[in-house]
Amino acid sequence: MIDCQELSKQYGSLVAVNNLTFQVQPGEVLGFLGPNGAGKTTTMRIIAGFLPPTSGKATVCGFDIETQATKAKQMIGYLPEGAPSYPEMTAKSFLEFIADSRNLKGSERLHRLDEVYELLHLKHVLNQKIDTLSKGYTRRVGLAQAILHDPKVLILDEPTDGLDPNQKYEVRKLINKMSENKIIIISTHLLEEVDAVCNRAIIISDGQILADDTPKNLEAKSKFHNAVSIKLSEPSELNAVREAINSLPEIISTEVDEHSNQLIAFPDSGKIPLQAITELGATKGWEFSELHLESGRLDEVFRTITGGAAA
């Protein structure tokens, strides 16, 4: 596993990481969330062995990242922010260089190179120089070098940055597939990515952990958890519908978004009002164009947690 104990990193008077302690087990895909400057990238660089901590300790698969750095790094595939590489090299020559660096030889080397070319759809750009590739393909080459040696641990900083929606879907599918037998840490600003690939999320701000839970449990902390989202075929009826829904014992309050003509009905504690609203609508003859139960909104939880910390 990855085991971080009381990690701290200071740059003069600036505390970038402040006494972080957490573990990540095989099979976990950990989403590392936080506002800009929260300490996400610094923490990942420490775990990957690119930065020494000011204090504290990190081990990867039992190897201390400072005192057993070579053995620890053999376990790790790392995609840094920006996917740095050698721009004058072709994608193929760069990945072959990485294969040499990872001491891949013979049939294993050929198999792994062919596999990552296929997985990341790189075959038609292999002979292009990296500085001529689009941002999306540059990112794919960066991800290819991270997974080339089939590491037990993947540390990915914004893995889908610059990818179009189809490419994001493919990379997320690949991450889900690899997560069966790897430890994966992902830093991302995309909260939908946490829903798509992560089974655990840590929210940090000012270098400290503010929340550590599953995405579903974090969503359950949202004020939108079990709320009902409503749109009507005839928006002019919205105020009358709102008044009627407010009278239900399952409802504590309602809100209307004037731009989308959407009504949100918030439940009283512990109640799920979808059935009551559906039955009331059938009695009143309302025509719904949209009616669904909300699981919660991770973005709202994120703002509440990080905004409260800032305050």
Protein backbone atom coordinates (compact mmCIF):
# COMPACT_ATOMS: atom_id res chain seq x y z
CA MET A 1 0.00 0.00 0.00
CA ILE A 2 0.90 3.68 0.05
CA ASP A 3 1.39 4.86 3.62
CA CYS A 4 1.89 8.57 4.36
CA GLN A 5 2.60 9.55 7.94
CA GLU A 6 2.58 13.19 9.07
CA LEU A 7 3.87 14.51 5.73
CA SER A 8 4.76 18.20 5.68
CA LYS A 9 6.44 20.41 3.11
CA GLN A 10 7.52 24.00 3.69
CA TYR A 11 9.03 26.57 1.34
CA GLY A 12 10.36 29.18 3.75
CA SER A 13 7.34 30.49 5.63
CA LEU A 14 4.88 28.87 3.16
CA VAL A 15 3.39 25.59 4.37
CA ALA A 16 2.35 23.68 1.22
CA VAL A 17 1.56 20.36 2.96
CA ASN A 18 0.65 20.30 6.62
CA ASN A 19 0.95 17.03 8.57
CA LEU A 20 -0.92 14.72 6.17
CA THR A 21 -1.56 11.13 7.23
CA PHE A 22 -3.42 8.65 5.02
CA GLN A 23 -3.09 5.20 3.44
CA VAL A 24 -4.18 3.87 0.05
CA GLN A 25 -4.82 0.15 -0.46
CA PRO A 26 -4.69 -1.99 -3.65
CA GLY A 27 -7.94 -1.71 -5.59
CA GLU A 28 -8.55 1.86 -4.42
CA VAL A 29 -8.77 4.74 -6.88
CA LEU A 30 -8.25 7.81 -4.73
CA GLY A 31 -9.39 11.17 -6.06
CA PHE A 32 -7.28 13.97 -4.63
CA LEU A 33 -9.39 17.15 -4.63
CA GLY A 34 -8.77 20.70 -3.55
CA PRO A 35 -8.67 24.30 -4.78
CA ASN A 36 -5.61 25.66 -6.56
CA GLY A 37 -2.68 25.83 -4.16
CA ALA A 38 -4.22 23.29 -1.77
CA GLY A 39 -1.14 21.04 -1.79
CA LYS A 40 -2.35 18.24 -4.11
CA THR A 41 0.51 18.32 -6.60
CA THR A 42 3.13 18.79 -3.86
CA THR A 43 1.83 15.72 -2.00
CA MET A 44 1.87 13.64 -5.18
CA ARG A 45 5.43 14.75 -5.98
CA ILE A 46 6.52 13.69 -2.50
CA ILE A 47 4.93 10.23 -2.89
CA ALA A 48 6.49 9.86 -6.34
CA GLY A 49 9.92 10.74 -4.96
CA PHE A 50 10.36 13.98 -6.87
CA LEU A 51 10.30 16.16 -3.75
CA PRO A 52 11.63 15.36 -0.28
CA PRO A 53 9.24 16.13 2.58
CA THR A 54 10.29 18.66 5.17
CA SER A 55 9.10 16.16 7.77
CA GLY A 56 7.15 12.93 7.90
CA LYS A 57 7.47 9.70 5.95
CA ALA A 58 5.99 8.03 2.86
CA THR A 59 6.32 4.37 1.90
CA VAL A 60 5.25 2.75 -1.38
CA CYS A 61 4.69 -1.03 -1.32
CA GLY A 62 6.79 -1.17 1.84
CA PHE A 63 9.72 0.88 0.47
CA ASP A 64 10.62 4.23 2.02
CA ILE A 65 10.54 6.85 -0.74
CA GLU A 66 13.64 8.58 0.66
CA THR A 67 15.89 5.78 1.96
CA GLN A 68 14.81 3.13 -0.60
CA ALA A 69 14.06 5.48 -3.47
CA THR A 70 15.06 3.22 -6.38
CA LYS A 71 12.96 0.27 -5.20
CA ALA A 72 10.00 2.54 -4.41
CA LYS A 73 10.14 4.23 -7.83
CA GLN A 74 10.21 0.84 -9.57
CA MET A 75 6.71 0.34 -8.17
CA ILE A 76 5.41 3.70 -9.45
CA GLY A 77 4.10 5.05 -12.73
CA TYR A 78 3.89 8.86 -12.56
CA LEU A 79 2.12 11.28 -14.87
CA PRO A 80 3.14 14.78 -13.75
CA GLU A 81 1.15 17.94 -14.30
CA GLY A 82 1.62 19.07 -17.91
CA ALA A 83 2.98 15.66 -19.05
CA PRO A 84 6.60 16.89 -19.53
CA SER A 85 8.66 15.01 -22.11
CA TYR A 86 11.39 15.56 -24.71
CA PRO A 87 9.66 17.63 -27.43
CA GLU A 88 12.33 16.97 -30.10
CA MET A 89 11.81 13.18 -29.86
CA THR A 90 9.12 11.29 -31.72
CA ALA A 91 6.45 9.59 -29.63
CA LYS A 92 7.94 6.21 -30.55
CA SER A 93 11.56 7.10 -29.70
CA PHE A 94 10.44 8.66 -26.40
CA LEU A 95 8.49 5.57 -25.34
CA GLU A 96 11.37 3.30 -26.40
CA PHE A 97 13.67 5.46 -24.27
CA ILE A 98 11.27 4.97 -21.34
CA ALA A 99 11.29 1.20 -21.98
CA ASP A 100 15.11 1.29 -21.77
CA SER A 101 14.96 3.35 -18.57
CA ARG A 102 12.54 0.82 -17.05
CA ASN A 103 14.86 -2.03 -18.08
CA LEU A 104 12.25 -3.72 -20.27
CA LYS A 105 13.88 -6.29 -22.56
CA GLY A 106 13.09 -8.85 -25.24
CA SER A 107 9.54 -10.07 -25.81
CA GLU A 108 8.23 -8.31 -22.69
CA ARG A 109 9.45 -4.97 -24.06
CA LEU A 110 7.83 -5.52 -27.47
CA HIS A 111 4.60 -6.72 -25.88
CA ARG A 112 4.29 -3.76 -23.51
CA LEU A 113 5.10 -1.18 -26.20
CA ASP A 114 2.52 -2.68 -28.58
CA GLU A 115 -0.01 -2.87 -25.74
CA VAL A 116 0.26 0.78 -24.71
CA TYR A 117 0.23 1.93 -28.35
CA GLU A 118 -3.06 0.08 -28.74
CA LEU A 119 -4.56 1.09 -25.39
CA LEU A 120 -3.94 4.80 -25.98
CA HIS A 121 -4.52 4.79 -29.76
CA LEU A 122 -1.04 6.12 -30.53
CA LYS A 123 -0.05 4.05 -33.58
CA HIS A 124 -0.77 6.74 -36.19
CA VAL A 125 1.26 9.43 -34.33
CA LEU A 126 4.28 7.34 -33.30
CA ASN A 127 6.59 8.94 -35.87
CA GLN A 128 5.55 12.52 -35.10
CA LYS A 129 7.72 14.74 -32.93
CA ILE A 130 6.12 15.33 -29.56
CA ASP A 131 6.16 19.13 -30.00
CA THR A 132 3.92 18.72 -33.08
CA LEU A 133 1.27 16.70 -31.23
CA SER A 134 -1.98 18.17 -29.95
CA LYS A 135 -2.35 18.67 -26.22
CA GLY A 136 -4.56 15.58 -26.06
CA TYR A 137 -2.03 13.32 -27.79
CA THR A 138 0.81 14.74 -25.73
CA ARG A 139 -1.20 13.78 -22.66
CA ARG A 140 -1.74 10.28 -24.03
CA VAL A 141 2.01 9.85 -24.61
CA GLY A 142 2.56 10.97 -21.02
CA LEU A 143 0.07 8.42 -19.75
CA ALA A 144 1.69 5.74 -21.93
CA GLN A 145 5.08 6.27 -20.29
CA ALA A 146 3.45 6.05 -16.84
CA ILE A 147 1.86 2.64 -17.48
CA LEU A 148 4.52 1.15 -19.77
CA HIS A 149 6.22 -0.98 -17.08
CA ASP A 150 2.85 -2.13 -15.65
CA PRO A 151 3.49 -0.57 -12.21
CA LYS A 152 1.69 -1.53 -9.02
CA VAL A 153 1.10 2.16 -8.21
CA LEU A 154 -0.13 4.91 -10.54
CA ILE A 155 0.07 8.58 -9.58
CA LEU A 156 -1.76 10.68 -12.15
CA ASP A 157 -1.90 14.47 -12.02
CA GLU A 158 -4.85 15.66 -14.16
CA PRO A 159 -4.79 12.56 -16.43
CA THR A 160 -7.55 13.75 -18.79
CA ASP A 161 -6.44 17.38 -19.06
CA GLY A 162 -6.71 18.51 -22.68
CA LEU A 163 -8.63 15.46 -23.87
CA ASP A 164 -11.91 15.71 -25.75
CA PRO A 165 -15.01 13.97 -24.29
CA ASN A 166 -14.43 10.75 -26.27
CA GLN A 167 -10.78 10.61 -25.23
CA LYS A 168 -11.72 11.27 -21.59
CA TYR A 169 -14.16 8.39 -21.74
CA GLU A 170 -11.47 6.04 -23.10
CA VAL A 171 -8.89 7.06 -20.47
CA ARG A 172 -11.43 6.71 -17.65
CA LYS A 173 -12.40 3.27 -18.93
CA LEU A 174 -8.70 2.33 -18.94
CA ILE A 175 -8.25 3.59 -15.37
CA ASN A 176 -11.26 1.56 -14.23
CA LYS A 177 -9.81 -1.54 -15.87
CA MET A 178 -6.35 -1.04 -14.33
CA SER A 179 -7.76 -0.35 -10.85
CA GLU A 180 -8.53 -4.03 -10.28
CA ASN A 181 -4.93 -4.79 -9.30
CA LYS A 182 -3.28 -1.40 -8.76
CA ILE A 183 -3.20 1.50 -6.35
CA ILE A 184 -4.20 4.66 -8.23
CA ILE A 185 -4.12 8.27 -7.02
CA ILE A 186 -5.66 10.90 -9.29
CA SER A 187 -5.47 14.64 -8.80
CA THR A 188 -8.24 16.38 -10.70
CA HIS A 189 -10.31 19.55 -10.90
CA LEU A 190 -13.07 17.64 -12.70
CA LEU A 191 -15.60 16.46 -10.15
CA GLU A 192 -17.36 14.30 -12.73
CA GLU A 193 -14.06 12.40 -13.01
CA VAL A 194 -14.31 11.50 -9.33
CA ASP A 195 -17.79 10.07 -9.93
CA ALA A 196 -16.57 8.23 -13.03
CA VAL A 197 -13.42 6.49 -11.73
CA CYS A 198 -12.84 6.99 -7.99
CA ASN A 199 -14.05 4.85 -5.12
CA ARG A 200 -12.57 7.21 -2.54
CA ALA A 201 -11.99 10.95 -2.36
CA ILE A 202 -9.81 13.16 -0.16
CA ILE A 203 -10.51 16.89 -0.11
CA ILE A 204 -7.60 19.06 1.03
CA SER A 205 -7.17 22.79 1.49
CA ASP A 206 -4.16 24.72 2.77
CA GLY A 207 -2.24 21.43 2.91
CA GLN A 208 -4.67 19.73 5.32
CA ILE A 209 -7.21 16.94 4.87
CA LEU A 210 -10.77 18.24 5.31
CA ALA A 211 -12.69 15.14 4.17
CA ASP A 212 -11.88 11.49 3.38
CA ASP A 213 -14.76 9.30 2.22
CA THR A 214 -16.39 7.59 -0.74
CA PRO A 215 -17.86 9.91 -3.40
CA LYS A 216 -21.35 8.60 -2.59
CA ASN A 217 -20.96 9.36 1.12
CA LEU A 218 -19.66 12.83 0.30
CA GLU A 219 -22.64 13.42 -2.01
CA ALA A 220 -24.92 12.38 0.86
CA LYS A 221 -23.63 15.41 2.81
CA SER A 222 -25.03 17.69 0.09
CA LYS A 223 -28.19 19.67 0.73
CA PHE A 224 -29.37 18.24 -2.61
CA HIS A 225 -29.25 14.64 -1.31
CA ASN A 226 -32.73 13.12 -1.88
CA ALA A 227 -34.01 16.45 -3.23
CA VAL A 228 -36.37 16.29 -6.20
CA SER A 229 -35.63 18.18 -9.41
CA ILE A 230 -38.72 19.22 -11.38
CA LYS A 231 -39.37 20.80 -14.77
CA LEU A 232 -42.85 21.33 -16.18
CA SER A 233 -44.06 21.09 -19.75
CA GLU A 234 -45.81 24.42 -19.07
CA PRO A 235 -43.37 26.66 -17.10
CA SER A 236 -46.09 29.26 -16.35
CA GLU A 237 -47.55 26.81 -13.81
CA LEU A 238 -44.31 26.68 -11.83
CA ASN A 239 -45.34 29.03 -9.00
CA ALA A 240 -48.62 27.19 -8.39
CA VAL A 241 -46.81 23.86 -8.40
CA ARG A 242 -44.22 25.22 -5.99
CA GLU A 243 -46.92 26.38 -3.58
CA ALA A 244 -48.61 22.97 -3.63
CA ILE A 245 -45.34 21.08 -3.12
CA ASN A 246 -44.39 23.33 -0.20
CA SER A 247 -47.50 22.08 1.60
CA LEU A 248 -46.27 18.46 1.58
CA PRO A 249 -45.05 17.21 5.00
CA GLU A 250 -42.02 15.60 3.30
CA ILE A 251 -40.76 18.99 2.06
CA ILE A 252 -38.84 21.52 4.14
CA SER A 253 -38.22 24.13 1.40
CA THR A 254 -38.11 24.75 -2.36
CA GLU A 255 -35.99 26.80 -4.74
CA VAL A 256 -36.62 27.94 -8.31
CA ASP A 257 -33.91 28.52 -10.90
CA GLU A 258 -35.38 31.30 -13.05
CA HIS A 259 -32.95 30.66 -15.91
CA SER A 260 -33.81 26.98 -16.38
CA ASN A 261 -37.36 27.08 -14.94
CA GLN A 262 -36.32 24.25 -12.65
CA LEU A 263 -37.85 23.66 -9.24
CA ILE A 264 -35.85 21.91 -6.53
CA ALA A 265 -37.82 20.47 -3.61
CA PHE A 266 -35.67 19.81 -0.53
CA PRO A 267 -36.74 16.99 1.82
CA ASP A 268 -37.31 17.16 5.52
CA SER A 269 -34.63 15.23 7.42
CA GLY A 270 -34.54 11.53 6.55
CA LYS A 271 -37.42 11.69 4.06
CA ILE A 272 -37.52 10.86 0.33
CA PRO A 273 -40.28 12.97 -1.25
CA LEU A 274 -40.25 11.65 -4.83
CA GLN A 275 -43.29 9.40 -4.45
CA ALA A 276 -45.35 12.08 -2.66
CA ILE A 277 -44.60 14.61 -5.43
CA THR A 278 -45.38 12.07 -8.15
CA GLU A 279 -48.73 11.22 -6.54
CA LEU A 280 -49.57 14.91 -6.03
CA GLY A 281 -48.71 15.60 -9.67
CA ALA A 282 -50.98 12.79 -10.85
CA THR A 283 -53.84 14.16 -8.71
CA LYS A 284 -53.35 17.71 -9.98
CA GLY A 285 -52.76 16.72 -13.59
CA TRP A 286 -49.30 18.28 -13.82
CA GLU A 287 -47.27 17.45 -16.91
CA PHE A 288 -43.62 16.95 -16.01
CA SER A 289 -40.90 17.29 -18.63
CA GLU A 290 -38.36 16.27 -15.97
CA LEU A 291 -38.74 14.64 -12.57
CA HIS A 292 -35.86 12.93 -10.80
CA LEU A 293 -34.39 12.24 -7.39
CA GLU A 294 -31.00 13.84 -6.75
CA SER A 295 -28.24 11.73 -5.17
CA GLY A 296 -26.42 14.89 -4.10
CA ARG A 297 -24.00 17.31 -5.72
CA LEU A 298 -20.30 16.82 -5.12
CA ASP A 299 -19.49 20.33 -6.35
CA GLU A 300 -21.74 21.83 -3.68
CA VAL A 301 -20.11 19.66 -0.97
CA PHE A 302 -16.67 20.68 -2.27
CA ARG A 303 -17.56 24.40 -2.11
CA THR A 304 -19.08 24.04 1.35
CA ILE A 305 -16.07 22.17 2.78
CA THR A 306 -13.32 24.26 1.19
CA GLY A 307 -15.22 27.54 1.56
CA GLY A 308 -15.83 26.85 5.25
CA ALA A 309 -12.14 26.12 5.74
CA ALA A 310 -11.21 29.40 4.02
CA ALA A 311 -13.64 31.31 6.21
